[in-house]
Protein backbone atom coordinates (compact mmCIF):
# COMPACT_ATOMS: atom_id res chain seq x y z
CA UNK A 1 146.93 65.59 155.39
CA UNK A 2 145.23 65.13 152.25
CA UNK A 3 147.14 62.64 150.80
CA UNK A 4 147.22 60.05 154.00
CA UNK A 5 144.48 59.77 156.67
CA UNK A 6 141.89 62.30 155.37
CA UNK A 7 139.64 60.10 153.52
CA UNK A 8 139.73 57.71 157.27
CA UNK A 9 138.45 60.98 159.06
CA UNK A 10 135.55 61.84 156.89
CA UNK A 11 134.44 58.41 156.95
CA UNK A 12 134.89 58.33 160.63
CA UNK A 13 132.81 61.70 160.78
CA UNK A 14 130.18 60.61 158.48
CA UNK A 15 129.99 57.49 160.79
CA UNK A 16 129.43 59.70 163.75
CA UNK A 17 127.23 62.21 162.39
CA UNK A 18 125.41 60.95 159.29
CA UNK A 19 123.34 63.69 158.19
CA UNK A 20 126.32 66.13 158.62
CA UNK A 21 126.89 67.84 155.04
CA UNK A 22 130.98 67.70 155.00
CA UNK A 23 132.47 70.21 152.32
CA UNK A 24 136.45 69.50 151.80
CA UNK A 25 138.95 72.51 151.05
CA UNK A 26 142.52 71.37 150.85
CA UNK A 27 144.95 74.06 150.39
CA UNK A 28 147.76 75.62 152.19
CA UNK A 29 147.94 76.45 156.43
CA UNK A 30 147.90 80.04 155.73
CA UNK A 31 144.70 80.20 153.72
CA UNK A 32 142.93 77.92 156.23
CA UNK A 33 143.62 79.59 159.05
CA UNK A 34 142.41 83.15 157.42
CA UNK A 35 139.32 80.67 156.45
CA UNK A 36 139.07 79.74 159.91
CA UNK A 37 139.07 83.23 161.37
CA UNK A 38 136.97 84.14 158.62
CA UNK A 39 134.57 82.04 159.91
CA UNK A 40 134.06 80.35 156.21
CA UNK A 41 135.29 77.08 157.42
CA UNK A 42 134.76 75.60 160.88
CA UNK A 43 137.20 73.18 161.38
CA UNK A 44 140.49 73.60 160.26
CA UNK A 45 143.48 70.61 159.73
CA UNK A 46 146.49 72.55 159.58
CA UNK A 47 150.38 73.14 160.15
CA UNK A 48 149.63 74.77 163.60
CA UNK A 49 148.35 75.66 166.18
CA UNK A 50 146.94 78.31 165.29
CA UNK A 51 147.90 80.94 167.75
CA UNK A 52 144.71 83.09 168.26
CA UNK A 53 142.60 83.61 171.40
CA UNK A 54 139.65 82.96 169.83
CA UNK A 55 141.08 79.44 168.73
CA UNK A 56 140.65 76.28 170.57
CA UNK A 57 143.78 73.66 168.93
CA UNK A 58 143.80 70.01 169.27
CA UNK A 59 147.00 68.54 168.72
CA UNK A 60 147.99 66.36 166.39
CA UNK A 61 150.83 63.88 165.79
CA UNK A 62 153.64 65.23 164.27
CA UNK A 63 154.93 64.06 160.74
CA UNK A 64 158.46 62.81 160.71
CA UNK A 65 160.14 64.28 157.44
CA UNK A 66 162.95 62.03 155.61
CA UNK A 67 165.39 63.34 153.03
CA UNK A 68 164.62 61.52 149.77
CA UNK A 69 166.09 60.66 145.96
CA UNK A 70 165.30 59.03 142.88
CA UNK A 71 165.77 55.31 143.28
CA UNK A 72 167.63 55.51 140.17
CA UNK A 73 170.38 57.70 141.81
CA UNK A 74 173.34 56.41 142.66
CA UNK A 75 173.76 55.31 146.36
CA UNK A 76 176.41 58.05 148.14
CA UNK A 77 176.65 61.16 149.62
CA UNK A 78 174.08 63.76 148.19
CA UNK A 79 175.40 67.57 148.55
CA UNK A 80 172.59 69.64 149.31
CA UNK A 81 174.24 72.55 147.83
CA UNK A 82 174.55 71.54 144.53
CA UNK A 83 171.33 69.50 143.57
CA UNK A 84 167.69 71.09 143.42
CA UNK A 85 165.61 70.45 146.46
CA UNK A 86 161.54 69.88 145.93
CA UNK A 87 159.99 71.75 148.89
CA UNK A 88 156.59 73.18 150.20
CA UNK A 89 155.06 76.59 148.91
CA UNK A 90 156.83 79.75 149.64
CA UNK A 91 154.59 81.04 152.22
CA UNK A 92 154.62 78.23 154.49
CA UNK A 93 156.58 77.47 157.61
CA UNK A 94 158.36 74.20 156.40
CA UNK A 95 159.74 76.50 153.25
CA UNK A 96 160.93 79.16 155.49
CA UNK A 97 162.29 76.59 158.42
CA UNK A 98 163.99 74.31 155.01
CA UNK A 99 165.57 77.68 153.56
CA UNK A 100 166.58 78.91 156.29
CA UNK A 101 168.75 76.19 157.58
CA UNK A 102 169.91 75.23 154.04
CA UNK A 103 171.05 78.83 153.61
CA UNK A 104 172.66 78.94 156.83
CA UNK A 105 174.56 75.57 156.13
CA UNK A 106 175.20 76.23 152.49
CA UNK A 107 174.67 79.87 151.38
CA UNK A 108 172.17 82.03 149.15
CA UNK A 109 173.30 79.41 146.32
CA UNK A 110 171.16 76.38 147.07
CA UNK A 111 168.59 75.81 144.72
CA UNK A 112 164.92 75.23 145.96
CA UNK A 113 161.82 73.90 143.90
CA UNK A 114 158.85 75.35 146.10
CA UNK A 115 155.26 74.07 145.35
CA UNK A 116 151.70 73.85 146.65
CA UNK A 117 151.62 70.41 145.48
CA UNK A 118 153.17 67.62 147.88
CA UNK A 119 152.74 65.27 145.11
CA UNK A 120 154.30 67.18 142.88
CA UNK A 121 157.54 67.55 145.01
CA UNK A 122 157.89 63.46 144.96
CA UNK A 123 157.21 63.30 141.17
CA UNK A 124 160.41 65.80 140.72
CA UNK A 125 162.18 63.68 143.14
CA UNK A 126 160.90 60.42 141.57
CA UNK A 127 162.12 61.67 138.08
CA UNK A 128 165.43 62.85 139.56
CA UNK A 129 164.63 66.21 139.14
CA UNK A 130 165.68 67.39 142.77
CA UNK A 131 165.81 65.60 146.25
CA UNK A 132 163.33 66.17 149.25
CA UNK A 133 162.59 66.49 152.77
CA UNK A 134 159.75 65.23 152.75
CA UNK A 135 156.98 63.19 155.15
CA UNK A 136 157.96 59.59 155.89
CA UNK A 137 154.10 58.71 155.56
CA UNK A 138 154.04 59.11 151.82
CA UNK A 139 157.59 58.36 150.90
CA UNK A 140 157.72 55.14 152.50
CA UNK A 141 155.44 53.66 150.00
CA UNK A 142 157.57 55.12 147.29
CA UNK A 143 160.74 53.76 149.09
CA UNK A 144 158.89 50.09 149.30
CA UNK A 145 157.67 50.30 145.62
CA UNK A 146 161.38 50.97 144.45
CA UNK A 147 160.73 54.66 143.30
CA UNK A 148 162.71 56.50 145.60
CA UNK A 149 165.14 56.14 148.29
CA UNK A 150 166.25 57.91 151.61
CA UNK A 151 169.40 59.11 152.51
CA UNK A 152 171.16 60.80 155.37
CA UNK A 153 172.95 64.47 154.67
CA UNK A 154 173.73 64.60 158.41
CA UNK A 155 170.54 66.87 159.02
CA UNK A 156 167.09 66.80 158.63
CA UNK A 157 164.27 69.19 159.54
CA UNK A 158 162.32 68.97 162.43
CA UNK A 159 158.79 66.98 162.57
CA UNK A 160 155.74 69.14 160.95
CA UNK A 161 153.37 69.59 163.81
CA UNK A 162 149.75 69.82 162.86
CA UNK A 163 146.56 70.82 164.44
CA UNK A 164 142.56 70.56 164.33
CA UNK A 165 141.71 73.82 164.84
CA UNK A 166 138.25 75.75 165.48
CA UNK A 167 136.69 78.76 166.80
CA UNK A 168 136.01 78.22 170.93
CA UNK A 169 132.85 80.64 170.57
CA UNK A 170 129.86 79.99 170.04
CA UNK A 171 130.68 76.25 171.63
CA UNK A 172 129.88 73.77 169.54
CA UNK A 173 129.61 69.68 170.78
CA UNK A 174 129.73 68.64 167.28
CA UNK A 175 132.95 70.37 165.83
CA UNK A 176 134.74 69.59 169.41
CA UNK A 177 133.70 66.26 168.29
CA UNK A 178 135.36 66.40 164.99
CA UNK A 179 138.67 67.63 165.98
CA UNK A 180 139.39 64.80 168.75
CA UNK A 181 138.01 62.31 166.16
CA UNK A 182 140.79 63.90 163.57
CA UNK A 183 143.14 63.01 166.53
CA UNK A 184 141.91 59.89 166.77
CA UNK A 185 142.29 58.94 163.18
CA UNK A 186 145.71 60.78 163.05
CA UNK A 187 147.07 58.49 166.03
CA UNK A 188 145.66 55.17 164.44
CA UNK A 189 147.72 55.88 161.50
CA UNK A 190 150.95 55.98 163.46
């Protein structure tokens, strides 16, 4: 989100509510969820939905994952059991789902490079240090620039599901509108 449509969302939010004071916190979903439930933030855009009876969730478009390798690498089959895989931070749902599927397919010898920085994952792949199942919305630009190439190892993780989540009580028209605006902006980026 931070590397794709967040700036457009902030612009749309400022246009709708010009006097609104906005503070942006970019973090992993687990931490954003905790901050939301702790009433430290009003709206969390995260891997969701948040399954807590106090939280309202607005579904956002899912994000397709694609396997990428460095463009400089030879085209051909990539053996996921033999090459390091750049992926999301350890305490995230994408890491857990990817590691579970890879270990089931290739055994515990799979090498993962978890990172809380998606840009670092892309840089490791671009440098030829790893491959990764990463968001198409970011990777396609790097493919077009000749820095990455996509490949199909016969299996791809499920798309990432996001939500704009906020506490349902007390009701806030502003926060509800912001969550709907996040959905509109995300959909316009498809």
